[in-house]
Amino acid sequence: MRKNMITTTQFATETGLPYTTVVRWAQNGVIPGVEKEETPRGPVWWIPQAALDRLEDWRPRRGRPARPPKKAPARKKARAS
């Protein structure tokens, strides 16, 4: 075991987040300082304890990203009679 590092399972348990979310964040590099170690049973992701302590500083916002504002529709010109 590495010093000051925890596994994705431990991180998920401590934060109450789904394990799959934590693994996806690790794979996509969202978690700062995450390290991947190849083992005979498959990869193990090591997360610094400090990342757990500063979770609110780097955690992605929840929900769907906001849509860009809609453009105002073009106005029709009035016909001269």
PDB file of N, CA and C in Angstrom:
ATOM      1  N   MET A   1       0.833  -1.183   0.000  1.00  0.00           N
ATOM      2  CA  MET A   1       0.000   0.000   0.000  1.00  0.00           C
ATOM      3  C   MET A   1       0.881   1.250   0.000  1.00  0.00           C
ATOM      4  N   ARG A   2       0.450   2.248  -0.704  1.00  0.00           N
ATOM      5  CA  ARG A   2       1.220   3.483  -0.799  1.00  0.00           C
ATOM      6  C   ARG A   2       0.853   4.420   0.341  1.00  0.00           C
ATOM      7  N   LYS A   3       1.832   5.197   0.762  1.00  0.00           N
ATOM      8  CA  LYS A   3       1.614   6.138   1.856  1.00  0.00           C
ATOM      9  C   LYS A   3       0.819   7.345   1.363  1.00  0.00           C
ATOM     10  N   ASN A   4      -0.167   7.770   2.126  1.00  0.00           N
ATOM     11  CA  ASN A   4      -1.012   8.924   1.829  1.00  0.00           C
ATOM     12  C   ASN A   4      -1.817   8.760   0.539  1.00  0.00           C
ATOM     13  N   MET A   5      -2.064   7.526   0.129  1.00  0.00           N
ATOM     14  CA  MET A   5      -2.863   7.241  -1.062  1.00  0.00           C
ATOM     15  C   MET A   5      -3.979   6.282  -0.666  1.00  0.00           C
ATOM     16  N   ILE A   6      -5.127   6.420  -1.356  1.00  0.00           N
ATOM     17  CA  ILE A   6      -6.239   5.508  -1.133  1.00  0.00           C
ATOM     18  C   ILE A   6      -6.704   4.971  -2.485  1.00  0.00           C
ATOM     19  N   THR A   7      -7.433   3.866  -2.454  1.00  0.00           N
ATOM     20  CA  THR A   7      -7.934   3.267  -3.686  1.00  0.00           C
ATOM     21  C   THR A   7      -9.261   3.923  -4.078  1.00  0.00           C
ATOM     22  N   THR A   8      -9.722   3.604  -5.271  1.00  0.00           N
ATOM     23  CA  THR A   8     -11.009   4.136  -5.725  1.00  0.00           C
ATOM     24  C   THR A   8     -12.151   3.621  -4.849  1.00  0.00           C
ATOM     25  N   THR A   9     -12.046   2.403  -4.382  1.00  0.00           N
ATOM     26  CA  THR A   9     -13.081   1.848  -3.510  1.00  0.00           C
ATOM     27  C   THR A   9     -13.139   2.619  -2.195  1.00  0.00           C
ATOM     28  N   GLN A  10     -11.989   2.888  -1.611  1.00  0.00           N
ATOM     29  CA  GLN A  10     -11.946   3.656  -0.367  1.00  0.00           C
ATOM     30  C   GLN A  10     -12.464   5.074  -0.581  1.00  0.00           C
ATOM     31  N   PHE A  11     -12.099   5.678  -1.693  1.00  0.00           N
ATOM     32  CA  PHE A  11     -12.553   7.038  -2.008  1.00  0.00           C
ATOM     33  C   PHE A  11     -14.073   7.063  -2.135  1.00  0.00           C
ATOM     34  N   ALA A  12     -14.636   6.086  -2.848  1.00  0.00           N
ATOM     35  CA  ALA A  12     -16.086   6.020  -3.036  1.00  0.00           C
ATOM     36  C   ALA A  12     -16.796   5.825  -1.696  1.00  0.00           C
ATOM     37  N   THR A  13     -16.258   4.974  -0.850  1.00  0.00           N
ATOM     38  CA  THR A  13     -16.860   4.730   0.458  1.00  0.00           C
ATOM     39  C   THR A  13     -16.829   5.987   1.323  1.00  0.00           C
ATOM     40  N   GLU A  14     -15.701   6.677   1.340  1.00  0.00           N
ATOM     41  CA  GLU A  14     -15.548   7.879   2.173  1.00  0.00           C
ATOM     42  C   GLU A  14     -16.438   9.030   1.721  1.00  0.00           C
ATOM     43  N   THR A  15     -16.636   9.159   0.407  1.00  0.00           N
ATOM     44  CA  THR A  15     -17.404  10.295  -0.118  1.00  0.00           C
ATOM     45  C   THR A  15     -18.875   9.977  -0.334  1.00  0.00           C
ATOM     46  N   GLY A  16     -19.213   8.693  -0.408  1.00  0.00           N
ATOM     47  CA  GLY A  16     -20.584   8.309  -0.696  1.00  0.00           C
ATOM     48  C   GLY A  16     -20.917   8.380  -2.176  1.00  0.00           C
ATOM     49  N   LEU A  17     -19.902   8.542  -3.009  1.00  0.00           N
ATOM     50  CA  LEU A  17     -20.092   8.576  -4.457  1.00  0.00           C
ATOM     51  C   LEU A  17     -20.134   7.156  -5.003  1.00  0.00           C
ATOM     52  N   PRO A  18     -20.796   6.947  -6.140  1.00  0.00           N
ATOM     53  CA  PRO A  18     -20.761   5.620  -6.761  1.00  0.00           C
ATOM     54  C   PRO A  18     -19.333   5.265  -7.210  1.00  0.00           C
ATOM     55  N   TYR A  19     -18.983   3.990  -7.049  1.00  0.00           N
ATOM     56  CA  TYR A  19     -17.658   3.512  -7.437  1.00  0.00           C
ATOM     57  C   TYR A  19     -17.388   3.800  -8.908  1.00  0.00           C
ATOM     58  N   THR A  20     -18.377   3.592  -9.761  1.00  0.00           N
ATOM     59  CA  THR A  20     -18.189   3.797 -11.202  1.00  0.00           C
ATOM     60  C   THR A  20     -17.870   5.255 -11.515  1.00  0.00           C
ATOM     61  N   THR A  21     -18.451   6.173 -10.779  1.00  0.00           N
ATOM     62  CA  THR A  21     -18.159   7.594 -10.979  1.00  0.00           C
ATOM     63  C   THR A  21     -16.707   7.888 -10.628  1.00  0.00           C
ATOM     64  N   VAL A  22     -16.248   7.350  -9.517  1.00  0.00           N
ATOM     65  CA  VAL A  22     -14.864   7.582  -9.076  1.00  0.00           C
ATOM     66  C   VAL A  22     -13.881   7.011 -10.096  1.00  0.00           C
ATOM     67  N   VAL A  23     -14.148   5.811 -10.605  1.00  0.00           N
ATOM     68  CA  VAL A  23     -13.264   5.199 -11.601  1.00  0.00           C
ATOM     69  C   VAL A  23     -13.271   6.031 -12.882  1.00  0.00           C
ATOM     70  N   ARG A  24     -14.438   6.500 -13.320  1.00  0.00           N
ATOM     71  CA  ARG A  24     -14.517   7.328 -14.530  1.00  0.00           C
ATOM     72  C   ARG A  24     -13.725   8.624 -14.344  1.00  0.00           C
ATOM     73  N   TRP A  25     -13.845   9.250 -13.180  1.00  0.00           N
ATOM     74  CA  TRP A  25     -13.071  10.467 -12.903  1.00  0.00           C
ATOM     75  C   TRP A  25     -11.573  10.167 -12.934  1.00  0.00           C
ATOM     76  N   ALA A  26     -11.168   9.028 -12.378  1.00  0.00           N
ATOM     77  CA  ALA A  26      -9.747   8.656 -12.373  1.00  0.00           C
ATOM     78  C   ALA A  26      -9.248   8.439 -13.802  1.00  0.00           C
ATOM     79  N   GLN A  27     -10.025   7.725 -14.603  1.00  0.00           N
ATOM     80  CA  GLN A  27      -9.624   7.441 -15.982  1.00  0.00           C
ATOM     81  C   GLN A  27      -9.538   8.703 -16.824  1.00  0.00           C
ATOM     82  N   ASN A  28     -10.409   9.666 -16.571  1.00  0.00           N
ATOM     83  CA  ASN A  28     -10.441  10.901 -17.358  1.00  0.00           C
ATOM     84  C   ASN A  28      -9.536  11.992 -16.792  1.00  0.00           C
ATOM     85  N   GLY A  29      -8.825  11.707 -15.704  1.00  0.00           N
ATOM     86  CA  GLY A  29      -7.900  12.675 -15.133  1.00  0.00           C
ATOM     87  C   GLY A  29      -8.576  13.807 -14.381  1.00  0.00           C
ATOM     88  N   VAL A  30      -9.812  13.614 -13.942  1.00  0.00           N
ATOM     89  CA  VAL A  30     -10.525  14.656 -13.207  1.00  0.00           C
ATOM     90  C   VAL A  30      -9.972  14.799 -11.794  1.00  0.00           C
ATOM     91  N   ILE A  31      -9.582  13.694 -11.188  1.00  0.00           N
ATOM     92  CA  ILE A  31      -9.056  13.704  -9.818  1.00  0.00           C
ATOM     93  C   ILE A  31      -7.589  14.115  -9.871  1.00  0.00           C
ATOM     94  N   PRO A  32      -7.211  15.184  -9.166  1.00  0.00           N
ATOM     95  CA  PRO A  32      -5.815  15.633  -9.213  1.00  0.00           C
ATOM     96  C   PRO A  32      -4.875  14.652  -8.507  1.00  0.00           C
ATOM     97  N   GLY A  33      -3.769  14.355  -9.156  1.00  0.00           N
ATOM     98  CA  GLY A  33      -2.728  13.517  -8.571  1.00  0.00           C
ATOM     99  C   GLY A  33      -2.976  12.027  -8.631  1.00  0.00           C
ATOM    100  N   VAL A  34      -3.991  11.591  -9.363  1.00  0.00           N
ATOM    101  CA  VAL A  34      -4.308  10.164  -9.440  1.00  0.00           C
ATOM    102  C   VAL A  34      -3.207   9.424 -10.204  1.00  0.00           C
ATOM    103  N   GLU A  35      -2.909   8.208  -9.743  1.00  0.00           N
ATOM    104  CA  GLU A  35      -1.882   7.385 -10.381  1.00  0.00           C
ATOM    105  C   GLU A  35      -2.457   6.006 -10.687  1.00  0.00           C
ATOM    106  N   LYS A  36      -2.062   5.448 -11.817  1.00  0.00           N
ATOM    107  CA  LYS A  36      -2.533   4.126 -12.223  1.00  0.00           C
ATOM    108  C   LYS A  36      -1.396   3.128 -12.053  1.00  0.00           C
ATOM    109  N   GLU A  37      -1.712   1.998 -11.429  1.00  0.00           N
ATOM    110  CA  GLU A  37      -0.735   0.929 -11.253  1.00  0.00           C
ATOM    111  C   GLU A  37      -1.296  -0.344 -11.878  1.00  0.00           C
ATOM    112  N   GLU A  38      -0.565  -0.925 -12.796  1.00  0.00           N
ATOM    113  CA  GLU A  38      -0.982  -2.182 -13.417  1.00  0.00           C
ATOM    114  C   GLU A  38      -0.623  -3.334 -12.488  1.00  0.00           C
ATOM    115  N   THR A  39      -1.594  -4.208 -12.247  1.00  0.00           N
ATOM    116  CA  THR A  39      -1.382  -5.395 -11.423  1.00  0.00           C
ATOM    117  C   THR A  39      -1.861  -6.612 -12.218  1.00  0.00           C
ATOM    118  N   PRO A  40      -1.511  -7.823 -11.781  1.00  0.00           N
ATOM    119  CA  PRO A  40      -1.989  -9.016 -12.485  1.00  0.00           C
ATOM    120  C   PRO A  40      -3.522  -9.119 -12.533  1.00  0.00           C
ATOM    121  N   ARG A  41      -4.200  -8.523 -11.576  1.00  0.00           N
ATOM    122  CA  ARG A  41      -5.668  -8.571 -11.534  1.00  0.00           C
ATOM    123  C   ARG A  41      -6.309  -7.408 -12.268  1.00  0.00           C
ATOM    124  N   GLY A  42      -5.505  -6.509 -12.800  1.00  0.00           N
ATOM    125  CA  GLY A  42      -6.033  -5.343 -13.506  1.00  0.00           C
ATOM    126  C   GLY A  42      -5.499  -4.067 -12.895  1.00  0.00           C
ATOM    127  N   PRO A  43      -5.868  -2.925 -13.480  1.00  0.00           N
ATOM    128  CA  PRO A  43      -5.333  -1.663 -12.989  1.00  0.00           C
ATOM    129  C   PRO A  43      -5.906  -1.270 -11.626  1.00  0.00           C
ATOM    130  N   VAL A  44      -5.060  -0.636 -10.821  1.00  0.00           N
ATOM    131  CA  VAL A  44      -5.473  -0.078  -9.537  1.00  0.00           C
ATOM    132  C   VAL A  44      -5.198   1.414  -9.613  1.00  0.00           C
ATOM    133  N   TRP A  45      -6.206   2.212  -9.302  1.00  0.00           N
ATOM    134  CA  TRP A  45      -6.053   3.669  -9.303  1.00  0.00           C
ATOM    135  C   TRP A  45      -5.785   4.121  -7.885  1.00  0.00           C
ATOM    136  N   TRP A  46      -4.695   4.870  -7.698  1.00  0.00           N
ATOM    137  CA  TRP A  46      -4.323   5.403  -6.385  1.00  0.00           C
ATOM    138  C   TRP A  46      -4.630   6.892  -6.371  1.00  0.00           C
ATOM    139  N   ILE A  47      -5.361   7.315  -5.351  1.00  0.00           N
ATOM    140  CA  ILE A  47      -5.792   8.703  -5.227  1.00  0.00           C
ATOM    141  C   ILE A  47      -5.150   9.299  -3.977  1.00  0.00           C
ATOM    142  N   PRO A  48      -4.541  10.483  -4.089  1.00  0.00           N
ATOM    143  CA  PRO A  48      -3.941  11.106  -2.906  1.00  0.00           C
ATOM    144  C   PRO A  48      -5.010  11.434  -1.861  1.00  0.00           C
ATOM    145  N   GLN A  49      -4.671  11.250  -0.602  1.00  0.00           N
ATOM    146  CA  GLN A  49      -5.582  11.585   0.495  1.00  0.00           C
ATOM    147  C   GLN A  49      -5.965  13.062   0.423  1.00  0.00           C
ATOM    148  N   ALA A  50      -5.046  13.901  -0.041  1.00  0.00           N
ATOM    149  CA  ALA A  50      -5.303  15.346  -0.147  1.00  0.00           C
ATOM    150  C   ALA A  50      -6.447  15.638  -1.118  1.00  0.00           C
ATOM    151  N   ALA A  51      -6.617  14.808  -2.154  1.00  0.00           N
ATOM    152  CA  ALA A  51      -7.718  15.010  -3.101  1.00  0.00           C
ATOM    153  C   ALA A  51      -9.055  14.807  -2.406  1.00  0.00           C
ATOM    154  N   LEU A  52      -9.110  13.886  -1.469  1.00  0.00           N
ATOM    155  CA  LEU A  52     -10.324  13.650  -0.692  1.00  0.00           C
ATOM    156  C   LEU A  52     -10.603  14.846   0.217  1.00  0.00           C
ATOM    157  N   ASP A  53      -9.555  15.381   0.822  1.00  0.00           N
ATOM    158  CA  ASP A  53      -9.707  16.518   1.728  1.00  0.00           C
ATOM    159  C   ASP A  53     -10.162  17.777   1.001  1.00  0.00           C
ATOM    160  N   ARG A  54      -9.780  17.933  -0.275  1.00  0.00           N
ATOM    161  CA  ARG A  54     -10.134  19.137  -1.061  1.00  0.00           C
ATOM    162  C   ARG A  54     -11.166  18.825  -2.145  1.00  0.00           C
ATOM    163  N   LEU A  55     -12.047  17.882  -1.881  1.00  0.00           N
ATOM    164  CA  LEU A  55     -13.017  17.422  -2.876  1.00  0.00           C
ATOM    165  C   LEU A  55     -13.836  18.563  -3.459  1.00  0.00           C
ATOM    166  N   GLU A  56     -14.311  19.467  -2.655  1.00  0.00           N
ATOM    167  CA  GLU A  56     -15.177  20.546  -3.147  1.00  0.00           C
ATOM    168  C   GLU A  56     -14.423  21.537  -4.037  1.00  0.00           C
ATOM    169  N   ASP A  57     -13.100  21.576  -3.956  1.00  0.00           N
ATOM    170  CA  ASP A  57     -12.311  22.488  -4.796  1.00  0.00           C
ATOM    171  C   ASP A  57     -12.240  22.021  -6.252  1.00  0.00           C
ATOM    172  N   TRP A  58     -12.218  20.718  -6.487  1.00  0.00           N
ATOM    173  CA  TRP A  58     -12.018  20.217  -7.854  1.00  0.00           C
ATOM    174  C   TRP A  58     -13.191  19.403  -8.396  1.00  0.00           C
ATOM    175  N   ARG A  59     -14.169  19.078  -7.566  1.00  0.00           N
ATOM    176  CA  ARG A  59     -15.281  18.220  -8.003  1.00  0.00           C
ATOM    177  C   ARG A  59     -16.076  18.862  -9.138  1.00  0.00           C
ATOM    178  N   PRO A  60     -16.377  18.094 -10.189  1.00  0.00           N
ATOM    179  CA  PRO A  60     -17.193  18.639 -11.279  1.00  0.00           C
ATOM    180  C   PRO A  60     -18.594  18.981 -10.774  1.00  0.00           C
ATOM    181  N   ARG A  61     -19.198  19.969 -11.406  1.00  0.00           N
ATOM    182  CA  ARG A  61     -20.554  20.346 -11.033  1.00  0.00           C
ATOM    183  C   ARG A  61     -21.516  19.236 -11.404  1.00  0.00           C
ATOM    184  N   ARG A  62     -22.563  19.095 -10.636  1.00  0.00           N
ATOM    185  CA  ARG A  62     -23.542  18.047 -10.885  1.00  0.00           C
ATOM    186  C   ARG A  62     -24.506  18.463 -11.973  1.00  0.00           C
ATOM    187  N   GLY A  63     -25.046  17.470 -12.665  1.00  0.00           N
ATOM    188  CA  GLY A  63     -26.090  17.715 -13.650  1.00  0.00           C
ATOM    189  C   GLY A  63     -25.565  17.967 -15.047  1.00  0.00           C
ATOM    190  N   ARG A  64     -26.486  18.224 -15.913  1.00  0.00           N
ATOM    191  CA  ARG A  64     -26.181  18.474 -17.316  1.00  0.00           C
ATOM    192  C   ARG A  64     -25.598  19.868 -17.480  1.00  0.00           C
ATOM    193  N   PRO A  65     -24.619  20.050 -18.357  1.00  0.00           N
ATOM    194  CA  PRO A  65     -24.074  21.386 -18.587  1.00  0.00           C
ATOM    195  C   PRO A  65     -25.157  22.341 -19.099  1.00  0.00           C
ATOM    196  N   ALA A  66     -25.040  23.592 -18.733  1.00  0.00           N
ATOM    197  CA  ALA A  66     -26.022  24.590 -19.151  1.00  0.00           C
ATOM    198  C   ALA A  66     -25.963  24.792 -20.661  1.00  0.00           C
ATOM    199  N   ARG A  67     -27.119  25.045 -21.241  1.00  0.00           N
ATOM    200  CA  ARG A  67     -27.169  25.326 -22.680  1.00  0.00           C
ATOM    201  C   ARG A  67     -26.710  26.749 -22.924  1.00  0.00           C
ATOM    202  N   PRO A  68     -26.117  26.986 -24.080  1.00  0.00           N
ATOM    203  CA  PRO A  68     -25.761  28.366 -24.400  1.00  0.00           C
ATOM    204  C   PRO A  68     -27.033  29.185 -24.607  1.00  0.00           C
ATOM    205  N   PRO A  69     -26.997  30.480 -24.343  1.00  0.00           N
ATOM    206  CA  PRO A  69     -28.205  31.299 -24.510  1.00  0.00           C
ATOM    207  C   PRO A  69     -28.653  31.309 -25.967  1.00  0.00           C
ATOM    208  N   LYS A  70     -29.978  31.334 -26.146  1.00  0.00           N
ATOM    209  CA  LYS A  70     -30.531  31.358 -27.498  1.00  0.00           C
ATOM    210  C   LYS A  70     -30.397  32.760 -28.076  1.00  0.00           C
ATOM    211  N   LYS A  71     -30.194  32.794 -29.377  1.00  0.00           N
ATOM    212  CA  LYS A  71     -30.130  34.081 -30.064  1.00  0.00           C
ATOM    213  C   LYS A  71     -31.551  34.568 -30.285  1.00  0.00           C
ATOM    214  N   ALA A  72     -31.719  35.876 -30.255  1.00  0.00           N
ATOM    215  CA  ALA A  72     -33.045  36.444 -30.505  1.00  0.00           C
ATOM    216  C   ALA A  72     -33.395  36.233 -31.969  1.00  0.00           C
ATOM    217  N   PRO A  73     -34.660  35.893 -32.261  1.00  0.00           N
ATOM    218  CA  PRO A  73     -35.040  35.680 -33.662  1.00  0.00           C
ATOM    219  C   PRO A  73     -34.941  36.981 -34.448  1.00  0.00           C
ATOM    220  N   ALA A  74     -34.609  36.828 -35.733  1.00  0.00           N
ATOM    221  CA  ALA A  74     -34.503  38.011 -36.600  1.00  0.00           C
ATOM    222  C   ALA A  74     -35.885  38.631 -36.798  1.00  0.00           C
ATOM    223  N   ARG A  75     -35.932  39.933 -36.772  1.00  0.00           N
ATOM    224  CA  ARG A  75     -37.208  40.618 -36.944  1.00  0.00           C
ATOM    225  C   ARG A  75     -37.459  40.868 -38.425  1.00  0.00           C
ATOM    226  N   LYS A  76     -38.697  40.731 -38.815  1.00  0.00           N
ATOM    227  CA  LYS A  76     -39.063  40.983 -40.205  1.00  0.00           C
ATOM    228  C   LYS A  76     -39.256  42.477 -40.411  1.00  0.00           C
ATOM    229  N   LYS A  77     -38.838  42.943 -41.599  1.00  0.00           N
ATOM    230  CA  LYS A  77     -39.027  44.349 -41.918  1.00  0.00           C
ATOM    231  C   LYS A  77     -40.467  44.582 -42.336  1.00  0.00           C
ATOM    232  N   ALA A  78     -41.022  45.715 -41.953  1.00  0.00           N
ATOM    233  CA  ALA A  78     -42.388  46.048 -42.326  1.00  0.00           C
ATOM    234  C   ALA A  78     -42.407  46.471 -43.791  1.00  0.00           C
ATOM    235  N   ARG A  79     -43.445  46.026 -44.508  1.00  0.00           N
ATOM    236  CA  ARG A  79     -43.578  46.377 -45.915  1.00  0.00           C
ATOM    237  C   ARG A  79     -44.192  47.768 -46.047  1.00  0.00           C
ATOM    238  N   ALA A  80     -43.647  48.554 -46.951  1.00  0.00           N
ATOM    239  CA  ALA A  80     -44.211  49.892 -47.208  1.00  0.00           C
ATOM    240  C   ALA A  80     -45.397  49.745 -48.148  1.00  0.00           C
ATOM    241  N   SER A  81     -46.498  50.381 -47.808  1.00  0.00           N
ATOM    242  CA  SER A  81     -47.668  50.267 -48.689  1.00  0.00           C
ATOM    243  C   SER A  81     -47.907  51.506 -49.487  1.00  0.00           C
TER     244      SER A  81
END
